[in-house]
Amino acid sequence: MTGNRIGQKPANEVSWVKLRELLVPTLLIVGDADLWQPPALMRLFRRNIPNSELVVVPEAGHSIYWERPDVFNSAVLDFVGRHSR
């Protein structure tokens, strides 16, 4: 073990520069009450990932797929439908 790192090294280093180079359509979904990845943070990601879309789900926290499966499923199916070949 070197330094303060515990466990294995991540396979990919994530940076704003690398996120700006993404070539695939990206869907970001966040609950309006998410404390782990709040909407403000996801808006920052949205601004830095080309061809990305952000859906903010009302009355949901971090587990949107569990808390609001109707909204989650609709957003995902709509996104996949628009970006499928």
PDB file of N, CA and C in Angstrom:
ATOM      1  N   MET A   1       0.848  -1.173   0.000  1.00  0.00           N
ATOM      2  CA  MET A   1       0.000   0.000   0.000  1.00  0.00           C
ATOM      3  C   MET A   1       0.895   1.239   0.000  1.00  0.00           C
ATOM      4  N   THR A   2       0.564   2.177  -0.850  1.00  0.00           N
ATOM      5  CA  THR A   2       1.327   3.419  -0.933  1.00  0.00           C
ATOM      6  C   THR A   2       0.452   4.595  -0.529  1.00  0.00           C
ATOM      7  N   GLY A   3       1.023   5.527   0.223  1.00  0.00           N
ATOM      8  CA  GLY A   3       0.272   6.726   0.590  1.00  0.00           C
ATOM      9  C   GLY A   3      -0.953   6.388   1.421  1.00  0.00           C
ATOM     10  N   ASN A   4      -2.018   7.162   1.214  1.00  0.00           N
ATOM     11  CA  ASN A   4      -3.262   6.965   1.965  1.00  0.00           C
ATOM     12  C   ASN A   4      -4.276   6.118   1.229  1.00  0.00           C
ATOM     13  N   ARG A   5      -3.941   5.657   0.055  1.00  0.00           N
ATOM     14  CA  ARG A   5      -4.887   4.888  -0.747  1.00  0.00           C
ATOM     15  C   ARG A   5      -5.092   3.498  -0.157  1.00  0.00           C
ATOM     16  N   ILE A   6      -6.335   3.122  -0.004  1.00  0.00           N
ATOM     17  CA  ILE A   6      -6.677   1.789   0.489  1.00  0.00           C
ATOM     18  C   ILE A   6      -7.418   1.072  -0.626  1.00  0.00           C
ATOM     19  N   GLY A   7      -7.074  -0.168  -0.861  1.00  0.00           N
ATOM     20  CA  GLY A   7      -7.745  -0.932  -1.894  1.00  0.00           C
ATOM     21  C   GLY A   7      -7.071  -0.763  -3.237  1.00  0.00           C
ATOM     22  N   GLN A   8      -7.748  -1.245  -4.253  1.00  0.00           N
ATOM     23  CA  GLN A   8      -7.133  -1.202  -5.575  1.00  0.00           C
ATOM     24  C   GLN A   8      -7.341   0.139  -6.260  1.00  0.00           C
ATOM     25  N   LYS A   9      -6.449   0.442  -7.171  1.00  0.00           N
ATOM     26  CA  LYS A   9      -6.513   1.682  -7.938  1.00  0.00           C
ATOM     27  C   LYS A   9      -7.705   1.630  -8.901  1.00  0.00           C
ATOM     28  N   PRO A  10      -8.422   2.742  -9.060  1.00  0.00           N
ATOM     29  CA  PRO A  10      -9.533   2.755 -10.025  1.00  0.00           C
ATOM     30  C   PRO A  10      -9.038   2.435 -11.442  1.00  0.00           C
ATOM     31  N   ALA A  11      -9.857   1.747 -12.203  1.00  0.00           N
ATOM     32  CA  ALA A  11      -9.499   1.384 -13.580  1.00  0.00           C
ATOM     33  C   ALA A  11      -9.413   2.621 -14.465  1.00  0.00           C
ATOM     34  N   ASN A  12     -10.219   3.627 -14.172  1.00  0.00           N
ATOM     35  CA  ASN A  12     -10.249   4.849 -14.981  1.00  0.00           C
ATOM     36  C   ASN A  12     -10.162   6.065 -14.081  1.00  0.00           C
ATOM     37  N   GLU A  13      -9.357   7.005 -14.486  1.00  0.00           N
ATOM     38  CA  GLU A  13      -9.301   8.282 -13.778  1.00  0.00           C
ATOM     39  C   GLU A  13     -10.352   9.189 -14.424  1.00  0.00           C
ATOM     40  N   VAL A  14     -11.233   9.765 -13.627  1.00  0.00           N
ATOM     41  CA  VAL A  14     -12.289  10.632 -14.137  1.00  0.00           C
ATOM     42  C   VAL A  14     -11.882  12.081 -13.884  1.00  0.00           C
ATOM     43  N   SER A  15     -11.994  12.886 -14.920  1.00  0.00           N
ATOM     44  CA  SER A  15     -11.686  14.312 -14.802  1.00  0.00           C
ATOM     45  C   SER A  15     -12.653  15.085 -15.689  1.00  0.00           C
ATOM     46  N   TRP A  16     -12.755  16.407 -15.465  1.00  0.00           N
ATOM     47  CA  TRP A  16     -13.614  17.228 -16.316  1.00  0.00           C
ATOM     48  C   TRP A  16     -13.143  17.153 -17.762  1.00  0.00           C
ATOM     49  N   VAL A  17     -11.843  17.115 -17.975  1.00  0.00           N
ATOM     50  CA  VAL A  17     -11.305  17.038 -19.338  1.00  0.00           C
ATOM     51  C   VAL A  17     -11.790  15.761 -20.018  1.00  0.00           C
ATOM     52  N   LYS A  18     -11.722  14.638 -19.314  1.00  0.00           N
ATOM     53  CA  LYS A  18     -12.169  13.368 -19.907  1.00  0.00           C
ATOM     54  C   LYS A  18     -13.678  13.354 -20.125  1.00  0.00           C
ATOM     55  N   LEU A  19     -14.426  13.932 -19.199  1.00  0.00           N
ATOM     56  CA  LEU A  19     -15.879  13.980 -19.380  1.00  0.00           C
ATOM     57  C   LEU A  19     -16.255  14.810 -20.604  1.00  0.00           C
ATOM     58  N   ARG A  20     -15.521  15.880 -20.861  1.00  0.00           N
ATOM     59  CA  ARG A  20     -15.804  16.722 -22.034  1.00  0.00           C
ATOM     60  C   ARG A  20     -15.514  15.996 -23.349  1.00  0.00           C
ATOM     61  N   GLU A  21     -14.778  14.896 -23.294  1.00  0.00           N
ATOM     62  CA  GLU A  21     -14.432  14.134 -24.491  1.00  0.00           C
ATOM     63  C   GLU A  21     -15.405  12.985 -24.776  1.00  0.00           C
ATOM     64  N   LEU A  22     -16.402  12.791 -23.922  1.00  0.00           N
ATOM     65  CA  LEU A  22     -17.358  11.700 -24.143  1.00  0.00           C
ATOM     66  C   LEU A  22     -18.067  11.876 -25.481  1.00  0.00           C
ATOM     67  N   LEU A  23     -18.225  10.786 -26.191  1.00  0.00           N
ATOM     68  CA  LEU A  23     -18.847  10.829 -27.516  1.00  0.00           C
ATOM     69  C   LEU A  23     -20.248  10.224 -27.528  1.00  0.00           C
ATOM     70  N   VAL A  24     -20.656   9.612 -26.446  1.00  0.00           N
ATOM     71  CA  VAL A  24     -21.951   8.933 -26.415  1.00  0.00           C
ATOM     72  C   VAL A  24     -23.004   9.816 -25.755  1.00  0.00           C
ATOM     73  N   PRO A  25     -24.260   9.699 -26.183  1.00  0.00           N
ATOM     74  CA  PRO A  25     -25.329  10.413 -25.487  1.00  0.00           C
ATOM     75  C   PRO A  25     -25.369   9.949 -24.025  1.00  0.00           C
ATOM     76  N   THR A  26     -25.577  10.880 -23.122  1.00  0.00           N
ATOM     77  CA  THR A  26     -25.519  10.572 -21.693  1.00  0.00           C
ATOM     78  C   THR A  26     -26.759  11.107 -21.002  1.00  0.00           C
ATOM     79  N   LEU A  27     -27.414  10.243 -20.234  1.00  0.00           N
ATOM     80  CA  LEU A  27     -28.592  10.645 -19.467  1.00  0.00           C
ATOM     81  C   LEU A  27     -28.204  10.751 -17.999  1.00  0.00           C
ATOM     82  N   LEU A  28     -28.447  11.901 -17.417  1.00  0.00           N
ATOM     83  CA  LEU A  28     -28.220  12.134 -15.995  1.00  0.00           C
ATOM     84  C   LEU A  28     -29.591  12.265 -15.345  1.00  0.00           C
ATOM     85  N   ILE A  29     -29.830  11.488 -14.299  1.00  0.00           N
ATOM     86  CA  ILE A  29     -31.109  11.545 -13.594  1.00  0.00           C
ATOM     87  C   ILE A  29     -30.806  11.807 -12.126  1.00  0.00           C
ATOM     88  N   VAL A  30     -31.490  12.782 -11.551  1.00  0.00           N
ATOM     89  CA  VAL A  30     -31.269  13.118 -10.143  1.00  0.00           C
ATOM     90  C   VAL A  30     -32.600  13.449  -9.484  1.00  0.00           C
ATOM     91  N   GLY A  31     -32.732  13.062  -8.236  1.00  0.00           N
ATOM     92  CA  GLY A  31     -33.907  13.448  -7.463  1.00  0.00           C
ATOM     93  C   GLY A  31     -33.729  14.855  -6.917  1.00  0.00           C
ATOM     94  N   ASP A  32     -34.805  15.591  -6.834  1.00  0.00           N
ATOM     95  CA  ASP A  32     -34.693  16.972  -6.352  1.00  0.00           C
ATOM     96  C   ASP A  32     -34.292  17.043  -4.875  1.00  0.00           C
ATOM     97  N   ALA A  33     -34.386  15.923  -4.163  1.00  0.00           N
ATOM     98  CA  ALA A  33     -33.989  15.878  -2.758  1.00  0.00           C
ATOM     99  C   ALA A  33     -32.765  14.984  -2.541  1.00  0.00           C
ATOM    100  N   ASP A  34     -31.997  14.735  -3.587  1.00  0.00           N
ATOM    101  CA  ASP A  34     -30.810  13.875  -3.497  1.00  0.00           C
ATOM    102  C   ASP A  34     -29.715  14.613  -2.728  1.00  0.00           C
ATOM    103  N   LEU A  35     -29.300  14.056  -1.610  1.00  0.00           N
ATOM    104  CA  LEU A  35     -28.244  14.669  -0.803  1.00  0.00           C
ATOM    105  C   LEU A  35     -26.865  14.146  -1.176  1.00  0.00           C
ATOM    106  N   TRP A  36     -26.803  12.998  -1.828  1.00  0.00           N
ATOM    107  CA  TRP A  36     -25.531  12.383  -2.205  1.00  0.00           C
ATOM    108  C   TRP A  36     -24.967  13.024  -3.478  1.00  0.00           C
ATOM    109  N   GLN A  37     -25.816  13.195  -4.486  1.00  0.00           N
ATOM    110  CA  GLN A  37     -25.443  13.867  -5.734  1.00  0.00           C
ATOM    111  C   GLN A  37     -26.537  14.883  -6.039  1.00  0.00           C
ATOM    112  N   PRO A  38     -26.485  16.036  -5.398  1.00  0.00           N
ATOM    113  CA  PRO A  38     -27.577  17.011  -5.510  1.00  0.00           C
ATOM    114  C   PRO A  38     -27.733  17.573  -6.924  1.00  0.00           C
ATOM    115  N   PRO A  39     -28.924  18.095  -7.219  1.00  0.00           N
ATOM    116  CA  PRO A  39     -29.185  18.654  -8.546  1.00  0.00           C
ATOM    117  C   PRO A  39     -28.147  19.673  -9.002  1.00  0.00           C
ATOM    118  N   ALA A  40     -27.640  20.502  -8.102  1.00  0.00           N
ATOM    119  CA  ALA A  40     -26.634  21.500  -8.500  1.00  0.00           C
ATOM    120  C   ALA A  40     -25.382  20.820  -9.044  1.00  0.00           C
ATOM    121  N   LEU A  41     -24.965  19.725  -8.425  1.00  0.00           N
ATOM    122  CA  LEU A  41     -23.803  18.981  -8.906  1.00  0.00           C
ATOM    123  C   LEU A  41     -24.091  18.359 -10.270  1.00  0.00           C
ATOM    124  N   MET A  42     -25.287  17.812 -10.430  1.00  0.00           N
ATOM    125  CA  MET A  42     -25.628  17.181 -11.707  1.00  0.00           C
ATOM    126  C   MET A  42     -25.755  18.217 -12.818  1.00  0.00           C
ATOM    127  N   ARG A  43     -26.173  19.440 -12.488  1.00  0.00           N
ATOM    128  CA  ARG A  43     -26.192  20.506 -13.497  1.00  0.00           C
ATOM    129  C   ARG A  43     -24.769  20.841 -13.950  1.00  0.00           C
ATOM    130  N   LEU A  44     -23.824  20.779 -13.035  1.00  0.00           N
ATOM    131  CA  LEU A  44     -22.419  20.991 -13.373  1.00  0.00           C
ATOM    132  C   LEU A  44     -21.933  19.893 -14.329  1.00  0.00           C
ATOM    133  N   PHE A  45     -22.295  18.647 -14.043  1.00  0.00           N
ATOM    134  CA  PHE A  45     -21.953  17.550 -14.949  1.00  0.00           C
ATOM    135  C   PHE A  45     -22.604  17.780 -16.309  1.00  0.00           C
ATOM    136  N   ARG A  46     -23.865  18.191 -16.320  1.00  0.00           N
ATOM    137  CA  ARG A  46     -24.594  18.432 -17.577  1.00  0.00           C
ATOM    138  C   ARG A  46     -23.864  19.457 -18.440  1.00  0.00           C
ATOM    139  N   ARG A  47     -23.360  20.501 -17.823  1.00  0.00           N
ATOM    140  CA  ARG A  47     -22.647  21.544 -18.571  1.00  0.00           C
ATOM    141  C   ARG A  47     -21.313  21.051 -19.118  1.00  0.00           C
ATOM    142  N   ASN A  48     -20.765  20.008 -18.533  1.00  0.00           N
ATOM    143  CA  ASN A  48     -19.436  19.539 -18.927  1.00  0.00           C
ATOM    144  C   ASN A  48     -19.428  18.257 -19.743  1.00  0.00           C
ATOM    145  N   ILE A  49     -20.570  17.651 -19.946  1.00  0.00           N
ATOM    146  CA  ILE A  49     -20.648  16.439 -20.764  1.00  0.00           C
ATOM    147  C   ILE A  49     -21.423  16.772 -22.029  1.00  0.00           C
ATOM    148  N   PRO A  50     -20.752  16.744 -23.184  1.00  0.00           N
ATOM    149  CA  PRO A  50     -21.458  17.041 -24.430  1.00  0.00           C
ATOM    150  C   PRO A  50     -22.565  16.014 -24.685  1.00  0.00           C
ATOM    151  N   ASN A  51     -23.600  16.455 -25.345  1.00  0.00           N
ATOM    152  CA  ASN A  51     -24.690  15.558 -25.729  1.00  0.00           C
ATOM    153  C   ASN A  51     -25.313  14.857 -24.517  1.00  0.00           C
ATOM    154  N   SER A  52     -25.372  15.572 -23.386  1.00  0.00           N
ATOM    155  CA  SER A  52     -25.994  14.989 -22.198  1.00  0.00           C
ATOM    156  C   SER A  52     -27.329  15.668 -21.925  1.00  0.00           C
ATOM    157  N   GLU A  53     -28.161  14.938 -21.223  1.00  0.00           N
ATOM    158  CA  GLU A  53     -29.473  15.439 -20.822  1.00  0.00           C
ATOM    159  C   GLU A  53     -29.626  15.224 -19.330  1.00  0.00           C
ATOM    160  N   LEU A  54     -30.313  16.136 -18.669  1.00  0.00           N
ATOM    161  CA  LEU A  54     -30.543  16.034 -17.241  1.00  0.00           C
ATOM    162  C   LEU A  54     -32.035  15.997 -16.961  1.00  0.00           C
ATOM    163  N   VAL A  55     -32.435  15.026 -16.157  1.00  0.00           N
ATOM    164  CA  VAL A  55     -33.807  14.930 -15.689  1.00  0.00           C
ATOM    165  C   VAL A  55     -33.769  15.072 -14.173  1.00  0.00           C
ATOM    166  N   VAL A  56     -34.459  16.078 -13.647  1.00  0.00           N
ATOM    167  CA  VAL A  56     -34.580  16.262 -12.206  1.00  0.00           C
ATOM    168  C   VAL A  56     -35.962  15.759 -11.804  1.00  0.00           C
ATOM    169  N   VAL A  57     -35.987  14.753 -10.952  1.00  0.00           N
ATOM    170  CA  VAL A  57     -37.236  14.089 -10.584  1.00  0.00           C
ATOM    171  C   VAL A  57     -37.758  14.674  -9.271  1.00  0.00           C
ATOM    172  N   PRO A  58     -38.978  15.208  -9.310  1.00  0.00           N
ATOM    173  CA  PRO A  58     -39.549  15.770  -8.080  1.00  0.00           C
ATOM    174  C   PRO A  58     -39.872  14.671  -7.063  1.00  0.00           C
ATOM    175  N   GLU A  59     -39.814  15.060  -5.798  1.00  0.00           N
ATOM    176  CA  GLU A  59     -40.183  14.172  -4.696  1.00  0.00           C
ATOM    177  C   GLU A  59     -39.382  12.871  -4.699  1.00  0.00           C
ATOM    178  N   ALA A  60     -38.063  12.973  -4.970  1.00  0.00           N
ATOM    179  CA  ALA A  60     -37.210  11.790  -4.965  1.00  0.00           C
ATOM    180  C   ALA A  60     -35.847  12.161  -4.401  1.00  0.00           C
ATOM    181  N   GLY A  61     -35.221  11.173  -3.779  1.00  0.00           N
ATOM    182  CA  GLY A  61     -33.870  11.342  -3.265  1.00  0.00           C
ATOM    183  C   GLY A  61     -32.880  10.686  -4.210  1.00  0.00           C
ATOM    184  N   HIS A  62     -31.985   9.876  -3.651  1.00  0.00           N
ATOM    185  CA  HIS A  62     -30.908   9.277  -4.446  1.00  0.00           C
ATOM    186  C   HIS A  62     -31.344   8.009  -5.187  1.00  0.00           C
ATOM    187  N   SER A  63     -32.391   7.331  -4.735  1.00  0.00           N
ATOM    188  CA  SER A  63     -32.814   6.057  -5.338  1.00  0.00           C
ATOM    189  C   SER A  63     -34.070   6.237  -6.174  1.00  0.00           C
ATOM    190  N   ILE A  64     -33.938   6.988  -7.235  1.00  0.00           N
ATOM    191  CA  ILE A  64     -35.094   7.343  -8.063  1.00  0.00           C
ATOM    192  C   ILE A  64     -35.772   6.107  -8.642  1.00  0.00           C
ATOM    193  N   TYR A  65     -34.962   5.146  -9.064  1.00  0.00           N
ATOM    194  CA  TYR A  65     -35.515   3.916  -9.650  1.00  0.00           C
ATOM    195  C   TYR A  65     -36.437   3.208  -8.662  1.00  0.00           C
ATOM    196  N   TRP A  66     -36.211   3.403  -7.363  1.00  0.00           N
ATOM    197  CA  TRP A  66     -37.013   2.766  -6.324  1.00  0.00           C
ATOM    198  C   TRP A  66     -38.145   3.682  -5.856  1.00  0.00           C
ATOM    199  N   GLU A  67     -37.825   4.962  -5.705  1.00  0.00           N
ATOM    200  CA  GLU A  67     -38.783   5.920  -5.168  1.00  0.00           C
ATOM    201  C   GLU A  67     -39.825   6.356  -6.197  1.00  0.00           C
ATOM    202  N   ARG A  68     -39.395   6.519  -7.444  1.00  0.00           N
ATOM    203  CA  ARG A  68     -40.286   6.986  -8.511  1.00  0.00           C
ATOM    204  C   ARG A  68     -40.050   6.163  -9.773  1.00  0.00           C
ATOM    205  N   PRO A  69     -40.325   4.845  -9.731  1.00  0.00           N
ATOM    206  CA  PRO A  69     -40.030   4.002 -10.894  1.00  0.00           C
ATOM    207  C   PRO A  69     -40.781   4.431 -12.150  1.00  0.00           C
ATOM    208  N   ASP A  70     -41.956   5.025 -11.992  1.00  0.00           N
ATOM    209  CA  ASP A  70     -42.712   5.488 -13.153  1.00  0.00           C
ATOM    210  C   ASP A  70     -41.938   6.562 -13.913  1.00  0.00           C
ATOM    211  N   VAL A  71     -41.410   7.530 -13.193  1.00  0.00           N
ATOM    212  CA  VAL A  71     -40.660   8.620 -13.816  1.00  0.00           C
ATOM    213  C   VAL A  71     -39.316   8.114 -14.338  1.00  0.00           C
ATOM    214  N   PHE A  72     -38.648   7.292 -13.538  1.00  0.00           N
ATOM    215  CA  PHE A  72     -37.351   6.740 -13.949  1.00  0.00           C
ATOM    216  C   PHE A  72     -37.481   5.934 -15.240  1.00  0.00           C
ATOM    217  N   ASN A  73     -38.417   4.999 -15.261  1.00  0.00           N
ATOM    218  CA  ASN A  73     -38.596   4.140 -16.443  1.00  0.00           C
ATOM    219  C   ASN A  73     -38.975   4.956 -17.671  1.00  0.00           C
ATOM    220  N   SER A  74     -39.845   5.930 -17.494  1.00  0.00           N
ATOM    221  CA  SER A  74     -40.252   6.772 -18.615  1.00  0.00           C
ATOM    222  C   SER A  74     -39.063   7.554 -19.174  1.00  0.00           C
ATOM    223  N   ALA A  75     -38.252   8.125 -18.295  1.00  0.00           N
ATOM    224  CA  ALA A  75     -37.091   8.909 -18.741  1.00  0.00           C
ATOM    225  C   ALA A  75     -36.087   8.031 -19.475  1.00  0.00           C
ATOM    226  N   VAL A  76     -35.812   6.857 -18.923  1.00  0.00           N
ATOM    227  CA  VAL A  76     -34.836   5.957 -19.546  1.00  0.00           C
ATOM    228  C   VAL A  76     -35.349   5.438 -20.887  1.00  0.00           C
ATOM    229  N   LEU A  77     -36.597   4.992 -20.937  1.00  0.00           N
ATOM    230  CA  LEU A  77     -37.143   4.475 -22.193  1.00  0.00           C
ATOM    231  C   LEU A  77     -37.210   5.560 -23.267  1.00  0.00           C
ATOM    232  N   ASP A  78     -37.578   6.776 -22.875  1.00  0.00           N
ATOM    233  CA  ASP A  78     -37.619   7.883 -23.830  1.00  0.00           C
ATOM    234  C   ASP A  78     -36.211   8.167 -24.370  1.00  0.00           C
ATOM    235  N   PHE A  79     -35.231   8.226 -23.473  1.00  0.00           N
ATOM    236  CA  PHE A  79     -33.847   8.509 -23.882  1.00  0.00           C
ATOM    237  C   PHE A  79     -33.322   7.415 -24.810  1.00  0.00           C
ATOM    238  N   VAL A  80     -33.491   6.167 -24.413  1.00  0.00           N
ATOM    239  CA  VAL A  80     -33.006   5.047 -25.244  1.00  0.00           C
ATOM    240  C   VAL A  80     -33.726   5.037 -26.590  1.00  0.00           C
ATOM    241  N   GLY A  81     -35.029   5.298 -26.579  1.00  0.00           N
ATOM    242  CA  GLY A  81     -35.779   5.329 -27.822  1.00  0.00           C
ATOM    243  C   GLY A  81     -35.282   6.404 -28.797  1.00  0.00           C
ATOM    244  N   ARG A  82     -34.897   7.546 -28.275  1.00  0.00           N
ATOM    245  CA  ARG A  82     -34.403   8.626 -29.129  1.00  0.00           C
ATOM    246  C   ARG A  82     -32.971   8.419 -29.585  1.00  0.00           C
ATOM    247  N   HIS A  83     -32.211   7.565 -28.904  1.00  0.00           N
ATOM    248  CA  HIS A  83     -30.806   7.392 -29.232  1.00  0.00           C
ATOM    249  C   HIS A  83     -30.465   5.990 -29.722  1.00  0.00           C
ATOM    250  N   SER A  84     -31.471   5.190 -30.026  1.00  0.00           N
ATOM    251  CA  SER A  84     -31.231   3.843 -30.569  1.00  0.00           C
ATOM    252  C   SER A  84     -31.065   3.911 -32.070  1.00  0.00           C
ATOM    253  N   ARG A  85     -30.352   2.975 -32.572  1.00  0.00           N
ATOM    254  CA  ARG A  85     -30.175   2.916 -34.031  1.00  0.00           C
ATOM    255  C   ARG A  85     -31.101   1.931 -34.642  1.00  0.00           C
TER     256      ARG A  85
END
